[in-house]
């Protein structure tokens, strides 16, 4: 197809990870192969929203160096986890899932009452002791609902953050008091456990230096974001917006013919602060067509209209993602 003068030919590929299967970089590469094989030039821009995969995406874009630290997993077992130092070691990127992630606990072992964020606190302190003046903490994908109690304890035990600044990249808008009700079941909590966790969060909130209840984003990672905000004055920011800004997404999008985004499961939660929603909203506001390739589509036509997605394809393997890229090229 011949290019028309003045009309962009580049396609911006900006998917999130397909949680539990492929990282955002893998998904981006597969879709890119499909589009390129059909003759479409691409700009690869894997994205994240503060949840699982945020460290990988930001490191790919910003550089820096990985650092490993010995920490505890959600059940107190010793593991090695990675964080990154960027900007000449002045900033660090910590991913909650690396130390307190649901993926670190086998389904039969999941214990939402016992699961702790202590390892995340240890990872934060490893970054502070490495010289980071600002620690970016991606939350999401955690096995925990302890309101950050474990992390707070680990930080205090290690001498505190000093003058370091904490910035929490939140993937949800949920307030502190709703964390157990909304996300507890996916972490293994039955109805009785959800009640116990909710009560425990309330007790914890009353003991904190300031009450996180009722504030948006304080319920991320089972209340970890709220605990860090209340105890250390952490700044809570929407993770998807932060990551897209760090990737210079807007200027890259405006230079593109279309955007192709995606995630593992497109559903109602995708509408509330997730990377796909942020990508699609920015594309709509700029008048750039936006399409999606997803692992599973569980969003009805009305939801798709809210995001203004032009076409939605399903793909569950790298081969299928590449084939979906070729199909997408025919539409553009």
Protein backbone atom coordinates (compact mmCIF):
# COMPACT_ATOMS: atom_id res chain seq x y z
CA UNK A 1 0.00 0.00 0.00
CA UNK A 2 1.47 3.34 -1.03
CA UNK A 3 1.89 5.98 1.66
CA UNK A 4 -0.21 9.13 1.34
CA UNK A 5 1.69 12.36 1.92
CA UNK A 6 0.83 13.93 5.27
CA UNK A 7 -0.78 10.80 6.74
CA UNK A 8 1.36 8.90 9.27
CA UNK A 9 2.27 5.31 8.41
CA UNK A 10 3.73 4.29 11.79
CA UNK A 11 1.64 2.07 14.09
CA UNK A 12 2.25 2.51 17.82
CA UNK A 13 2.14 -0.83 19.63
CA UNK A 14 1.38 -0.24 23.32
CA UNK A 15 0.11 -3.33 25.16
CA UNK A 16 0.31 -4.18 28.85
CA UNK A 17 1.52 -7.61 29.97
CA UNK A 18 -0.72 -10.64 29.60
CA UNK A 19 -0.59 -11.40 33.32
CA UNK A 20 0.70 -14.86 34.12
CA UNK A 21 1.68 -15.64 30.53
CA UNK A 22 3.66 -12.99 28.62
CA UNK A 23 5.36 -9.77 29.60
CA UNK A 24 4.56 -6.53 27.80
CA UNK A 25 7.85 -6.67 25.88
CA UNK A 26 7.04 -10.16 24.56
CA UNK A 27 3.51 -9.17 23.57
CA UNK A 28 4.77 -6.04 21.84
CA UNK A 29 7.41 -7.97 19.91
CA UNK A 30 4.92 -10.59 18.69
CA UNK A 31 2.37 -8.03 17.49
CA UNK A 32 5.19 -6.04 15.86
CA UNK A 33 6.35 -9.09 13.89
CA UNK A 34 2.85 -9.52 12.51
CA UNK A 35 2.46 -5.90 11.48
CA UNK A 36 5.94 -5.66 10.01
CA UNK A 37 5.48 -8.85 8.00
CA UNK A 38 2.48 -7.11 6.40
CA UNK A 39 4.57 -4.08 5.55
CA UNK A 40 3.55 -1.77 8.42
CA UNK A 41 6.29 0.24 10.18
CA UNK A 42 5.90 0.14 13.96
CA UNK A 43 6.94 1.98 17.09
CA UNK A 44 7.27 -0.49 19.99
CA UNK A 45 5.99 1.00 23.25
CA UNK A 46 5.20 -1.68 25.87
CA UNK A 47 3.27 -0.15 28.79
CA UNK A 48 2.28 -0.87 32.39
CA UNK A 49 0.05 0.62 35.07
CA UNK A 50 2.01 0.14 38.27
CA UNK A 51 1.15 -3.54 38.53
CA UNK A 52 3.11 -6.59 37.49
CA UNK A 53 5.56 -5.79 34.70
CA UNK A 54 6.10 -2.13 35.59
CA UNK A 55 9.75 -2.68 36.48
CA UNK A 56 10.47 -4.39 33.15
CA UNK A 57 8.74 -1.68 31.11
CA UNK A 58 10.38 1.27 32.89
CA UNK A 59 13.82 -0.33 32.80
CA UNK A 60 13.49 -0.97 29.07
CA UNK A 61 12.59 2.68 28.52
CA UNK A 62 14.78 4.44 31.09
CA UNK A 63 17.78 2.15 31.36
CA UNK A 64 19.43 1.79 34.75
CA UNK A 65 20.83 -1.30 36.37
CA UNK A 66 19.20 -4.25 38.14
CA UNK A 67 20.08 -4.97 41.77
CA UNK A 68 19.21 -8.14 43.64
CA UNK A 69 18.32 -8.28 47.34
CA UNK A 70 17.50 -11.02 49.82
CA UNK A 71 13.95 -10.52 51.10
CA UNK A 72 10.96 -12.48 52.40
CA UNK A 73 8.18 -13.71 50.15
CA UNK A 74 4.51 -13.27 51.20
CA UNK A 75 4.74 -16.25 53.57
CA UNK A 76 8.08 -15.29 55.13
CA UNK A 77 10.32 -17.56 53.07
CA UNK A 78 13.69 -16.16 51.90
CA UNK A 79 13.92 -15.27 48.21
CA UNK A 80 16.00 -13.06 45.96
CA UNK A 81 14.12 -10.17 44.37
CA UNK A 82 15.22 -7.54 41.86
CA UNK A 83 14.80 -3.79 41.90
CA UNK A 84 16.37 -1.24 39.56
CA UNK A 85 18.46 1.90 40.02
CA UNK A 86 18.04 4.60 37.38
CA UNK A 87 19.13 8.22 36.84
CA UNK A 88 22.63 7.62 38.16
CA UNK A 89 21.23 5.66 41.13
CA UNK A 90 19.21 8.68 42.30
CA UNK A 91 15.93 6.86 41.71
CA UNK A 92 14.90 3.26 42.24
CA UNK A 93 12.05 1.19 40.83
CA UNK A 94 10.56 -1.41 43.15
CA UNK A 95 7.83 -3.80 42.08
CA UNK A 96 5.61 -5.09 44.88
CA UNK A 97 4.96 -8.33 43.02
CA UNK A 98 8.68 -9.18 43.14
CA UNK A 99 8.51 -9.70 46.91
CA UNK A 100 4.81 -9.95 47.79
CA UNK A 101 3.33 -11.18 44.52
CA UNK A 102 0.49 -13.66 44.17
CA UNK A 103 2.62 -15.51 41.64
CA UNK A 104 5.14 -16.35 44.38
CA UNK A 105 2.60 -18.51 46.22
CA UNK A 106 1.21 -21.72 44.77
CA UNK A 107 -2.62 -21.86 44.75
CA UNK A 108 -2.68 -24.54 47.45
CA UNK A 109 -0.42 -22.41 49.69
CA UNK A 110 -2.34 -19.14 49.49
CA UNK A 111 -3.14 -17.72 52.90
CA UNK A 112 -4.64 -14.23 52.64
CA UNK A 113 -4.61 -13.78 56.42
CA UNK A 114 -0.93 -14.63 56.86
CA UNK A 115 0.39 -13.07 53.64
CA UNK A 116 2.65 -10.10 54.43
CA UNK A 117 4.22 -7.17 52.57
CA UNK A 118 7.35 -7.35 54.74
CA UNK A 119 9.48 -8.35 51.74
CA UNK A 120 8.36 -5.25 49.87
CA UNK A 121 9.48 -3.10 52.79
CA UNK A 122 12.84 -4.89 52.74
CA UNK A 123 13.12 -4.21 49.01
CA UNK A 124 12.34 -0.51 49.56
CA UNK A 125 15.05 -0.30 52.21
CA UNK A 126 17.55 -2.08 49.96
CA UNK A 127 16.92 0.67 47.42
CA UNK A 128 17.30 3.41 50.04
CA UNK A 129 20.54 1.89 51.34
CA UNK A 130 21.79 1.76 47.72
CA UNK A 131 21.48 5.54 47.62
CA UNK A 132 18.11 6.12 45.98
CA UNK A 133 16.63 9.49 46.88
CA UNK A 134 13.27 8.61 45.32
CA UNK A 135 11.77 5.12 45.30
CA UNK A 136 9.08 4.42 42.72
CA UNK A 137 6.91 1.56 43.98
CA UNK A 138 4.71 -0.25 41.50
CA UNK A 139 1.84 -1.91 43.30
CA UNK A 140 -0.44 -4.58 41.93
CA UNK A 141 -0.45 -8.34 41.68
CA UNK A 142 0.10 -8.80 45.40
CA UNK A 143 -0.89 -11.79 47.53
CA UNK A 144 -1.44 -9.51 50.51
CA UNK A 145 -4.15 -7.57 52.33
CA UNK A 146 -2.22 -6.36 55.37
CA UNK A 147 -2.61 -2.63 54.81
CA UNK A 148 1.15 -2.39 54.43
CA UNK A 149 1.76 -3.49 58.03
CA UNK A 150 4.55 -5.87 57.05
CA UNK A 151 6.31 -3.30 54.88
CA UNK A 152 6.02 -0.60 57.54
CA UNK A 153 7.52 -2.93 60.14
CA UNK A 154 10.43 -3.87 57.87
CA UNK A 155 11.17 -0.21 57.09
CA UNK A 156 11.16 0.74 60.77
CA UNK A 157 13.36 -2.26 61.64
CA UNK A 158 15.91 -1.15 59.02
CA UNK A 159 16.12 2.41 60.36
CA UNK A 160 13.51 4.19 58.26
CA UNK A 161 13.66 5.90 54.88
CA UNK A 162 15.46 9.03 56.08
CA UNK A 163 15.07 11.79 53.51
CA UNK A 164 14.10 9.43 50.72
CA UNK A 165 10.80 10.06 48.96
CA UNK A 166 8.32 7.29 48.17
CA UNK A 167 6.11 7.49 45.07
CA UNK A 168 3.52 4.74 44.76
CA UNK A 169 2.33 3.89 41.24
CA UNK A 170 -1.24 2.71 41.79
CA UNK A 171 -3.12 0.49 39.34
CA UNK A 172 -6.53 0.99 40.98
CA UNK A 173 -8.59 3.82 42.49
CA UNK A 174 -9.96 1.63 45.32
CA UNK A 175 -9.96 3.18 48.83
CA UNK A 176 -8.29 1.43 51.75
CA UNK A 177 -11.45 0.06 53.39
CA UNK A 178 -12.61 -1.74 50.23
CA UNK A 179 -9.37 -3.60 49.49
CA UNK A 180 -10.40 -6.91 51.07
CA UNK A 181 -13.93 -6.92 49.68
CA UNK A 182 -12.91 -6.22 46.11
CA UNK A 183 -9.60 -8.05 45.79
CA UNK A 184 -9.53 -10.54 48.68
CA UNK A 185 -11.34 -13.33 46.81
CA UNK A 186 -8.79 -13.40 43.99
CA UNK A 187 -6.08 -13.83 46.63
CA UNK A 188 -7.78 -16.87 48.15
CA UNK A 189 -10.05 -15.23 50.75
CA UNK A 190 -13.47 -16.78 51.34
CA UNK A 191 -16.39 -14.78 52.73
CA UNK A 192 -15.29 -15.20 56.35
CA UNK A 193 -11.69 -14.26 55.53
CA UNK A 194 -12.87 -11.13 53.69
CA UNK A 195 -14.77 -10.06 56.82
CA UNK A 196 -11.73 -10.69 59.02
CA UNK A 197 -9.42 -8.85 56.64
CA UNK A 198 -11.79 -5.87 56.42
CA UNK A 199 -11.99 -5.67 60.20
CA UNK A 200 -8.20 -5.92 60.47
CA UNK A 201 -7.73 -3.14 57.92
CA UNK A 202 -10.06 -0.93 59.96
CA UNK A 203 -8.12 -1.61 63.16
CA UNK A 204 -4.85 -0.94 61.35
CA UNK A 205 -6.15 2.33 59.89
CA UNK A 206 -6.99 3.64 63.35
CA UNK A 207 -3.43 2.98 64.54
CA UNK A 208 -1.72 4.71 61.61
CA UNK A 209 -0.43 8.32 61.91
CA UNK A 210 -3.26 9.40 59.61
CA UNK A 211 -6.36 7.58 58.41
CA UNK A 212 -6.18 6.36 54.79
CA UNK A 213 -9.85 5.36 54.61
CA UNK A 214 -11.97 7.13 52.04
CA UNK A 215 -9.03 8.27 49.91
CA UNK A 216 -8.71 7.03 46.31
CA UNK A 217 -5.80 4.67 45.55
CA UNK A 218 -5.10 3.82 49.20
CA UNK A 219 -6.44 0.26 48.68
CA UNK A 220 -3.85 -0.77 46.08
CA UNK A 221 -1.93 -3.98 46.88
CA UNK A 222 -4.27 -4.78 49.74
CA UNK A 223 -3.83 -1.38 51.34
CA UNK A 224 -0.05 -1.21 51.00
CA UNK A 225 -0.35 2.13 49.21
CA UNK A 226 -2.49 3.52 52.03
CA UNK A 227 -0.13 2.30 54.71
CA UNK A 228 2.87 3.92 53.02
CA UNK A 229 0.90 7.15 52.46
CA UNK A 230 -0.22 7.29 56.09
CA UNK A 231 3.14 6.42 57.66
CA UNK A 232 5.78 7.88 55.38
CA UNK A 233 3.89 10.51 53.40
CA UNK A 234 4.20 8.52 50.18
CA UNK A 235 2.81 10.22 47.10
CA UNK A 236 0.08 8.18 45.41
CA UNK A 237 -0.12 8.61 41.64
CA UNK A 238 -2.06 6.79 38.90
CA UNK A 239 0.44 4.25 37.64
CA UNK A 240 -0.71 4.09 34.02
CA UNK A 241 -0.47 7.86 33.55
CA UNK A 242 2.97 7.96 35.18
CA UNK A 243 4.34 5.18 32.99
CA UNK A 244 2.91 6.61 29.76
CA UNK A 245 4.39 10.02 30.54
CA UNK A 246 7.78 8.42 31.26
CA UNK A 247 7.59 6.71 27.85
CA UNK A 248 6.77 10.00 26.05
CA UNK A 249 3.61 8.24 24.90
CA UNK A 250 1.66 11.32 23.81
CA UNK A 251 4.20 12.58 21.27
CA UNK A 252 4.72 9.06 19.91
CA UNK A 253 0.96 8.56 19.62
CA UNK A 254 0.45 11.81 17.73
CA UNK A 255 3.05 10.68 15.21
CA UNK A 256 1.21 7.38 14.65
CA UNK A 257 -1.43 6.28 12.17
CA UNK A 258 -3.09 4.15 14.87
CA UNK A 259 -2.47 2.62 18.29
CA UNK A 260 -2.67 -1.09 19.11
CA UNK A 261 -3.00 -1.80 22.82
CA UNK A 262 -3.90 -4.95 24.76
CA UNK A 263 -3.87 -6.99 27.97
CA UNK A 264 -4.54 -10.53 29.09
CA UNK A 265 -8.18 -10.01 30.06
CA UNK A 266 -10.29 -7.11 28.86
CA UNK A 267 -13.16 -6.67 31.32
CA UNK A 268 -14.87 -4.07 33.51
CA UNK A 269 -11.73 -3.63 35.62
CA UNK A 270 -9.98 -2.45 32.45
CA UNK A 271 -12.11 0.69 32.60
CA UNK A 272 -10.78 1.79 35.99
CA UNK A 273 -7.22 3.05 35.81
CA UNK A 274 -5.65 0.17 33.89
CA UNK A 275 -3.09 0.76 31.17
CA UNK A 276 -5.47 -0.14 28.33
CA UNK A 277 -7.97 2.45 29.55
CA UNK A 278 -5.31 5.17 29.78
CA UNK A 279 -3.96 4.36 26.31
CA UNK A 280 -7.43 4.29 24.75
CA UNK A 281 -8.52 7.51 26.49
CA UNK A 282 -5.48 9.43 25.31
CA UNK A 283 -5.93 8.11 21.78
CA UNK A 284 -9.59 9.15 21.73
CA UNK A 285 -8.79 12.62 23.02
CA UNK A 286 -6.18 13.05 20.28
CA UNK A 287 -8.33 11.61 17.51
CA UNK A 288 -6.01 8.64 16.89
CA UNK A 289 -7.77 5.31 16.15
CA UNK A 290 -7.14 2.70 18.86
CA UNK A 291 -7.43 -1.08 18.51
CA UNK A 292 -6.80 -3.90 20.98
CA UNK A 293 -5.43 -7.44 20.95
CA UNK A 294 -6.31 -9.27 24.17
CA UNK A 295 -6.07 -12.73 25.66
CA UNK A 296 -9.75 -12.80 26.62
CA UNK A 297 -12.51 -10.37 25.85
CA UNK A 298 -15.02 -10.10 28.72
CA UNK A 299 -16.09 -6.54 27.97
CA UNK A 300 -19.42 -5.96 26.27
CA UNK A 301 -20.06 -3.65 23.32
CA UNK A 302 -20.99 -0.77 25.63
CA UNK A 303 -17.70 -1.06 27.50
CA UNK A 304 -15.80 -1.18 24.22
CA UNK A 305 -17.58 2.01 23.15
CA UNK A 306 -16.55 3.71 26.40
CA UNK A 307 -12.93 2.97 25.48
CA UNK A 308 -13.68 3.77 21.82
CA UNK A 309 -11.81 0.67 20.65
CA UNK A 310 -12.21 0.26 16.90
CA UNK A 311 -11.42 -3.45 16.68
CA UNK A 312 -10.72 -6.11 19.32
CA UNK A 313 -8.97 -9.39 18.47
CA UNK A 314 -8.31 -12.31 20.84
CA UNK A 315 -4.98 -14.15 20.96
CA UNK A 316 -3.56 -16.46 23.63
CA UNK A 317 -0.18 -17.56 22.24
CA UNK A 318 2.75 -15.69 20.72
CA UNK A 319 1.92 -17.24 17.35
CA UNK A 320 -1.67 -16.03 17.64
CA UNK A 321 -0.48 -12.57 18.69
CA UNK A 322 1.68 -12.38 15.59
CA UNK A 323 -1.23 -13.53 13.42
CA UNK A 324 -3.46 -10.91 15.07
CA UNK A 325 -0.86 -8.31 14.14
CA UNK A 326 -1.10 -9.36 10.50
CA UNK A 327 -4.89 -9.17 10.65
CA UNK A 328 -4.67 -5.74 12.26
CA UNK A 329 -2.45 -4.54 9.42
CA UNK A 330 -5.29 -5.20 6.98
CA UNK A 331 -7.52 -2.75 8.85
CA UNK A 332 -5.04 0.12 8.99
